[in-house]
Amino acid sequence: MKESIKSVTSFFNTSRMLKEYTQKLYMPALEQHIRFSNDDFKLAKEFAGWVKLLKENWDSIKIHVKLDQDITGVKNAEEEIGVQAEIYLPGIGPDSILPEVVFARLKDGKIANIRRYDMKLIKEVQKDTYLYSVKFKIEDRGEYGINVRVTPNNPLMPHKNYLMGLVKYPQ
């Protein structure tokens, strides 16, 4: 035990922690602050407008999932799954979202492993309705659950989950 403490103490210390926090959190936050405050806060106002638009329209998003095949029952390894989704985005536009398939391996009725796959925009089907698609292979034989979700997407977001509560699943 003493040897373990002795060998890792030089790595787990306050100086290393402060350096890591500065590089990963404080400096990016400062850079974002500078970007947002330039030009009389023009970028910050644009971002705030985008957030407002998203919040006003988020509950109107509709997701219709289409599977190439039935995924109930046991699936074999290397089996390919194709998923398409028509997503209605009233006033939001396709650049403001990140649609993805959430694919979960089930074991005894519980989630054992989750994978996600980004969907690609195929075309606009009709006004404000877009078709997205993805194909992927199953890695291991077993039972699976699948769904499509939509999350906000903007390069100015500090991270993907910035807008808490704005994750949309089909109803």
C-alpha atoms as a PDB file:
ATOM      1  CA  MET A   1       0.000   0.000   0.000  1.00  0.00           C
ATOM      2  CA  LYS A   2       2.774   2.433   0.924  1.00  0.00           C
ATOM      3  CA  GLU A   3       4.604   1.654  -2.323  1.00  0.00           C
ATOM      4  CA  SER A   4       1.434   2.357  -4.326  1.00  0.00           C
ATOM      5  CA  ILE A   5       0.961   5.720  -2.638  1.00  0.00           C
ATOM      6  CA  LYS A   6       4.616   6.555  -3.188  1.00  0.00           C
ATOM      7  CA  SER A   7       4.550   5.645  -6.886  1.00  0.00           C
ATOM      8  CA  VAL A   8       1.382   7.585  -7.824  1.00  0.00           C
ATOM      9  CA  THR A   9       1.781  10.647  -5.606  1.00  0.00           C
ATOM     10  CA  SER A  10       3.880  12.474  -8.172  1.00  0.00           C
ATOM     11  CA  PHE A  11       1.088  12.103 -10.742  1.00  0.00           C
ATOM     12  CA  PHE A  12      -1.961  12.795  -8.533  1.00  0.00           C
ATOM     13  CA  ASN A  13      -1.189  16.160  -7.048  1.00  0.00           C
ATOM     14  CA  THR A  14      -2.629  19.666  -6.912  1.00  0.00           C
ATOM     15  CA  SER A  15      -0.205  21.078  -9.508  1.00  0.00           C
ATOM     16  CA  ARG A  16      -1.201  18.480 -12.088  1.00  0.00           C
ATOM     17  CA  MET A  17      -4.877  18.978 -11.279  1.00  0.00           C
ATOM     18  CA  LEU A  18      -4.617  22.769 -11.623  1.00  0.00           C
ATOM     19  CA  LYS A  19      -2.738  22.445 -14.925  1.00  0.00           C
ATOM     20  CA  GLU A  20      -5.335  20.004 -16.298  1.00  0.00           C
ATOM     21  CA  TYR A  21      -8.287  22.173 -15.174  1.00  0.00           C
ATOM     22  CA  THR A  22      -6.641  25.235 -16.713  1.00  0.00           C
ATOM     23  CA  GLN A  23      -6.015  23.521 -20.063  1.00  0.00           C
ATOM     24  CA  LYS A  24      -9.319  21.669 -20.339  1.00  0.00           C
ATOM     25  CA  LEU A  25     -11.777  24.037 -18.651  1.00  0.00           C
ATOM     26  CA  TYR A  26     -10.581  27.527 -17.765  1.00  0.00           C
ATOM     27  CA  MET A  27      -8.756  28.432 -20.998  1.00  0.00           C
ATOM     28  CA  PRO A  28     -11.556  27.178 -23.288  1.00  0.00           C
ATOM     29  CA  ALA A  29     -14.066  29.109 -21.146  1.00  0.00           C
ATOM     30  CA  LEU A  30     -11.932  32.246 -21.424  1.00  0.00           C
ATOM     31  CA  GLU A  31     -11.629  31.814 -25.205  1.00  0.00           C
ATOM     32  CA  GLN A  32     -15.402  31.372 -25.468  1.00  0.00           C
ATOM     33  CA  HIS A  33     -15.938  34.497 -23.350  1.00  0.00           C
ATOM     34  CA  ILE A  34     -13.643  36.510 -25.629  1.00  0.00           C
ATOM     35  CA  ARG A  35     -15.397  35.204 -28.761  1.00  0.00           C
ATOM     36  CA  PHE A  36     -18.835  35.977 -27.310  1.00  0.00           C
ATOM     37  CA  SER A  37     -17.929  39.473 -26.101  1.00  0.00           C
ATOM     38  CA  ASN A  38     -16.365  40.684 -29.375  1.00  0.00           C
ATOM     39  CA  ASP A  39     -18.340  42.954 -31.754  1.00  0.00           C
ATOM     40  CA  ASP A  40     -20.756  44.124 -29.049  1.00  0.00           C
ATOM     41  CA  PHE A  41     -21.612  40.495 -28.149  1.00  0.00           C
ATOM     42  CA  LYS A  42     -22.800  39.737 -31.709  1.00  0.00           C
ATOM     43  CA  LEU A  43     -21.964  36.013 -31.507  1.00  0.00           C
ATOM     44  CA  ALA A  44     -23.490  35.692 -28.032  1.00  0.00           C
ATOM     45  CA  LYS A  45     -26.712  37.284 -29.275  1.00  0.00           C
ATOM     46  CA  GLU A  46     -26.824  34.918 -32.276  1.00  0.00           C
ATOM     47  CA  PHE A  47     -26.282  31.915 -30.002  1.00  0.00           C
ATOM     48  CA  ALA A  48     -28.957  33.127 -27.555  1.00  0.00           C
ATOM     49  CA  GLY A  49     -31.364  33.534 -30.490  1.00  0.00           C
ATOM     50  CA  TRP A  50     -30.612  29.985 -31.635  1.00  0.00           C
ATOM     51  CA  VAL A  51     -31.236  28.643 -28.115  1.00  0.00           C
ATOM     52  CA  LYS A  52     -34.537  30.566 -27.925  1.00  0.00           C
ATOM     53  CA  LEU A  53     -35.636  29.236 -31.341  1.00  0.00           C
ATOM     54  CA  LEU A  54     -34.810  25.684 -30.273  1.00  0.00           C
ATOM     55  CA  LYS A  55     -36.666  25.953 -26.965  1.00  0.00           C
ATOM     56  CA  GLU A  56     -39.752  27.434 -28.665  1.00  0.00           C
ATOM     57  CA  ASN A  57     -39.922  24.671 -31.302  1.00  0.00           C
ATOM     58  CA  TRP A  58     -38.387  21.640 -29.580  1.00  0.00           C
ATOM     59  CA  ASP A  59     -41.664  20.132 -28.384  1.00  0.00           C
ATOM     60  CA  SER A  60     -43.007  20.206 -31.967  1.00  0.00           C
ATOM     61  CA  ILE A  61     -40.291  17.893 -33.321  1.00  0.00           C
ATOM     62  CA  LYS A  62     -41.708  14.605 -34.589  1.00  0.00           C
ATOM     63  CA  ILE A  63     -39.618  11.490 -35.285  1.00  0.00           C
ATOM     64  CA  HIS A  64     -40.888   8.609 -37.402  1.00  0.00           C
ATOM     65  CA  VAL A  65     -38.505   5.625 -37.352  1.00  0.00           C
ATOM     66  CA  LYS A  66     -38.311   3.124 -40.229  1.00  0.00           C
ATOM     67  CA  LEU A  67     -36.342  -0.111 -39.874  1.00  0.00           C
ATOM     68  CA  ASP A  68     -35.123  -2.212 -42.811  1.00  0.00           C
ATOM     69  CA  GLN A  69     -36.096  -5.323 -40.833  1.00  0.00           C
ATOM     70  CA  ASP A  70     -37.689  -6.535 -37.629  1.00  0.00           C
ATOM     71  CA  ILE A  71     -35.159  -6.443 -34.799  1.00  0.00           C
ATOM     72  CA  THR A  72     -37.138  -8.440 -32.254  1.00  0.00           C
ATOM     73  CA  GLY A  73     -35.633 -11.717 -31.125  1.00  0.00           C
ATOM     74  CA  VAL A  74     -32.017 -12.841 -31.225  1.00  0.00           C
ATOM     75  CA  LYS A  75     -29.790 -11.223 -33.859  1.00  0.00           C
ATOM     76  CA  ASN A  76     -26.594 -12.714 -35.230  1.00  0.00           C
ATOM     77  CA  ALA A  77     -23.152 -11.116 -35.262  1.00  0.00           C
ATOM     78  CA  GLU A  78     -22.305  -9.289 -38.492  1.00  0.00           C
ATOM     79  CA  GLU A  79     -25.987  -8.849 -39.324  1.00  0.00           C
ATOM     80  CA  GLU A  80     -26.524  -5.432 -40.896  1.00  0.00           C
ATOM     81  CA  ILE A  81     -29.232  -3.129 -39.596  1.00  0.00           C
ATOM     82  CA  GLY A  82     -30.552  -0.185 -41.595  1.00  0.00           C
ATOM     83  CA  VAL A  83     -32.445   2.611 -39.903  1.00  0.00           C
ATOM     84  CA  GLN A  84     -34.150   5.599 -41.466  1.00  0.00           C
ATOM     85  CA  ALA A  85     -36.018   8.368 -39.715  1.00  0.00           C
ATOM     86  CA  GLU A  86     -38.219  11.123 -41.030  1.00  0.00           C
ATOM     87  CA  ILE A  87     -37.778  14.030 -38.652  1.00  0.00           C
ATOM     88  CA  TYR A  88     -40.118  17.009 -38.641  1.00  0.00           C
ATOM     89  CA  LEU A  89     -38.179  20.110 -37.558  1.00  0.00           C
ATOM     90  CA  PRO A  90     -40.573  23.079 -37.583  1.00  0.00           C
ATOM     91  CA  GLY A  91     -38.535  26.246 -37.999  1.00  0.00           C
ATOM     92  CA  ILE A  92     -35.375  24.602 -36.667  1.00  0.00           C
ATOM     93  CA  GLY A  93     -33.585  23.244 -39.737  1.00  0.00           C
ATOM     94  CA  PRO A  94     -31.341  20.201 -40.122  1.00  0.00           C
ATOM     95  CA  ASP A  95     -28.098  21.935 -39.123  1.00  0.00           C
ATOM     96  CA  SER A  96     -29.362  22.527 -35.587  1.00  0.00           C
ATOM     97  CA  ILE A  97     -29.775  18.879 -34.628  1.00  0.00           C
ATOM     98  CA  LEU A  98     -27.754  15.704 -34.314  1.00  0.00           C
ATOM     99  CA  PRO A  99     -29.914  12.640 -34.995  1.00  0.00           C
ATOM    100  CA  GLU A 100     -28.508   9.322 -33.868  1.00  0.00           C
ATOM    101  CA  VAL A 101     -29.515   5.723 -33.426  1.00  0.00           C
ATOM    102  CA  VAL A 102     -29.176   4.375 -29.911  1.00  0.00           C
ATOM    103  CA  PHE A 103     -28.644   0.611 -30.092  1.00  0.00           C
ATOM    104  CA  ALA A 104     -28.596  -1.373 -26.858  1.00  0.00           C
ATOM    105  CA  ARG A 105     -27.705  -4.995 -26.231  1.00  0.00           C
ATOM    106  CA  LEU A 106     -30.119  -6.539 -23.759  1.00  0.00           C
ATOM    107  CA  LYS A 107     -29.245  -9.186 -21.209  1.00  0.00           C
ATOM    108  CA  ASP A 108     -32.019 -10.596 -19.041  1.00  0.00           C
ATOM    109  CA  GLY A 109     -34.224  -7.677 -20.081  1.00  0.00           C
ATOM    110  CA  LYS A 110     -31.693  -5.059 -18.934  1.00  0.00           C
ATOM    111  CA  ILE A 111     -29.345  -2.880 -20.945  1.00  0.00           C
ATOM    112  CA  ALA A 112     -25.895  -4.464 -21.042  1.00  0.00           C
ATOM    113  CA  ASN A 113     -24.142  -2.351 -23.678  1.00  0.00           C
ATOM    114  CA  ILE A 114     -25.100   0.804 -25.597  1.00  0.00           C
ATOM    115  CA  ARG A 115     -23.759   2.047 -28.907  1.00  0.00           C
ATOM    116  CA  ARG A 116     -24.764   5.132 -30.818  1.00  0.00           C
ATOM    117  CA  TYR A 117     -24.503   5.824 -34.527  1.00  0.00           C
ATOM    118  CA  ASP A 118     -24.776   9.273 -36.114  1.00  0.00           C
ATOM    119  CA  MET A 119     -27.386   9.463 -38.855  1.00  0.00           C
ATOM    120  CA  LYS A 120     -26.717  11.221 -42.151  1.00  0.00           C
ATOM    121  CA  LEU A 121     -29.089  13.647 -43.846  1.00  0.00           C
ATOM    122  CA  ILE A 122     -30.384  12.131 -47.099  1.00  0.00           C
ATOM    123  CA  LYS A 123     -32.892  14.732 -48.317  1.00  0.00           C
ATOM    124  CA  GLU A 124     -35.710  17.078 -47.459  1.00  0.00           C
ATOM    125  CA  VAL A 125     -38.902  15.029 -47.905  1.00  0.00           C
ATOM    126  CA  GLN A 126     -41.256  17.992 -47.605  1.00  0.00           C
ATOM    127  CA  LYS A 127     -41.170  21.404 -45.959  1.00  0.00           C
ATOM    128  CA  ASP A 128     -39.440  21.071 -42.547  1.00  0.00           C
ATOM    129  CA  THR A 129     -39.327  17.237 -42.781  1.00  0.00           C
ATOM    130  CA  TYR A 130     -35.970  15.557 -43.397  1.00  0.00           C
ATOM    131  CA  LEU A 131     -34.945  11.973 -44.070  1.00  0.00           C
ATOM    132  CA  TYR A 132     -31.927  10.616 -42.199  1.00  0.00           C
ATOM    133  CA  SER A 133     -30.302   7.209 -42.537  1.00  0.00           C
ATOM    134  CA  VAL A 134     -27.614   4.944 -41.089  1.00  0.00           C
ATOM    135  CA  LYS A 135     -26.464   1.338 -41.509  1.00  0.00           C
ATOM    136  CA  PHE A 136     -24.342  -0.615 -39.062  1.00  0.00           C
ATOM    137  CA  LYS A 137     -23.400  -4.190 -38.232  1.00  0.00           C
ATOM    138  CA  ILE A 138     -24.226  -6.028 -35.044  1.00  0.00           C
ATOM    139  CA  GLU A 139     -21.030  -7.000 -33.236  1.00  0.00           C
ATOM    140  CA  ASP A 140     -22.285  -9.826 -31.005  1.00  0.00           C
ATOM    141  CA  ARG A 141     -25.139 -12.303 -31.175  1.00  0.00           C
ATOM    142  CA  GLY A 142     -27.975 -11.389 -28.810  1.00  0.00           C
ATOM    143  CA  GLU A 143     -31.152  -9.449 -28.202  1.00  0.00           C
ATOM    144  CA  TYR A 144     -31.221  -5.729 -28.886  1.00  0.00           C
ATOM    145  CA  GLY A 145     -33.324  -2.619 -28.441  1.00  0.00           C
ATOM    146  CA  ILE A 146     -33.172   0.344 -30.785  1.00  0.00           C
ATOM    147  CA  ASN A 147     -34.370   3.928 -30.896  1.00  0.00           C
ATOM    148  CA  VAL A 148     -33.622   7.231 -32.607  1.00  0.00           C
ATOM    149  CA  ARG A 149     -32.912  10.381 -30.642  1.00  0.00           C
ATOM    150  CA  VAL A 150     -32.333  13.998 -31.595  1.00  0.00           C
ATOM    151  CA  THR A 151     -30.057  16.331 -29.656  1.00  0.00           C
ATOM    152  CA  PRO A 152     -29.215  19.998 -30.282  1.00  0.00           C
ATOM    153  CA  ASN A 153     -26.138  20.663 -32.396  1.00  0.00           C
ATOM    154  CA  ASN A 154     -24.239  23.930 -32.605  1.00  0.00           C
ATOM    155  CA  PRO A 155     -20.458  24.506 -32.780  1.00  0.00           C
ATOM    156  CA  LEU A 156     -20.799  27.179 -30.084  1.00  0.00           C
ATOM    157  CA  MET A 157     -22.150  24.714 -27.530  1.00  0.00           C
ATOM    158  CA  PRO A 158     -19.494  23.953 -24.933  1.00  0.00           C
ATOM    159  CA  HIS A 159     -20.515  20.292 -25.092  1.00  0.00           C
ATOM    160  CA  LYS A 160     -23.269  18.195 -26.608  1.00  0.00           C
ATOM    161  CA  ASN A 161     -25.477  18.173 -23.528  1.00  0.00           C
ATOM    162  CA  TYR A 162     -25.394  21.941 -22.982  1.00  0.00           C
ATOM    163  CA  LEU A 163     -29.129  22.373 -23.358  1.00  0.00           C
ATOM    164  CA  MET A 164     -30.321  20.156 -20.540  1.00  0.00           C
ATOM    165  CA  GLY A 165     -33.601  18.425 -21.234  1.00  0.00           C
ATOM    166  CA  LEU A 166     -33.423  18.915 -24.980  1.00  0.00           C
ATOM    167  CA  VAL A 167     -33.204  15.316 -26.080  1.00  0.00           C
ATOM    168  CA  LYS A 168     -36.071  14.062 -28.217  1.00  0.00           C
ATOM    169  CA  TYR A 169     -37.203  10.455 -28.750  1.00  0.00           C
ATOM    170  CA  PRO A 170     -40.105   9.246 -30.878  1.00  0.00           C
ATOM    171  CA  GLN A 171     -43.403   9.164 -29.012  1.00  0.00           C
END
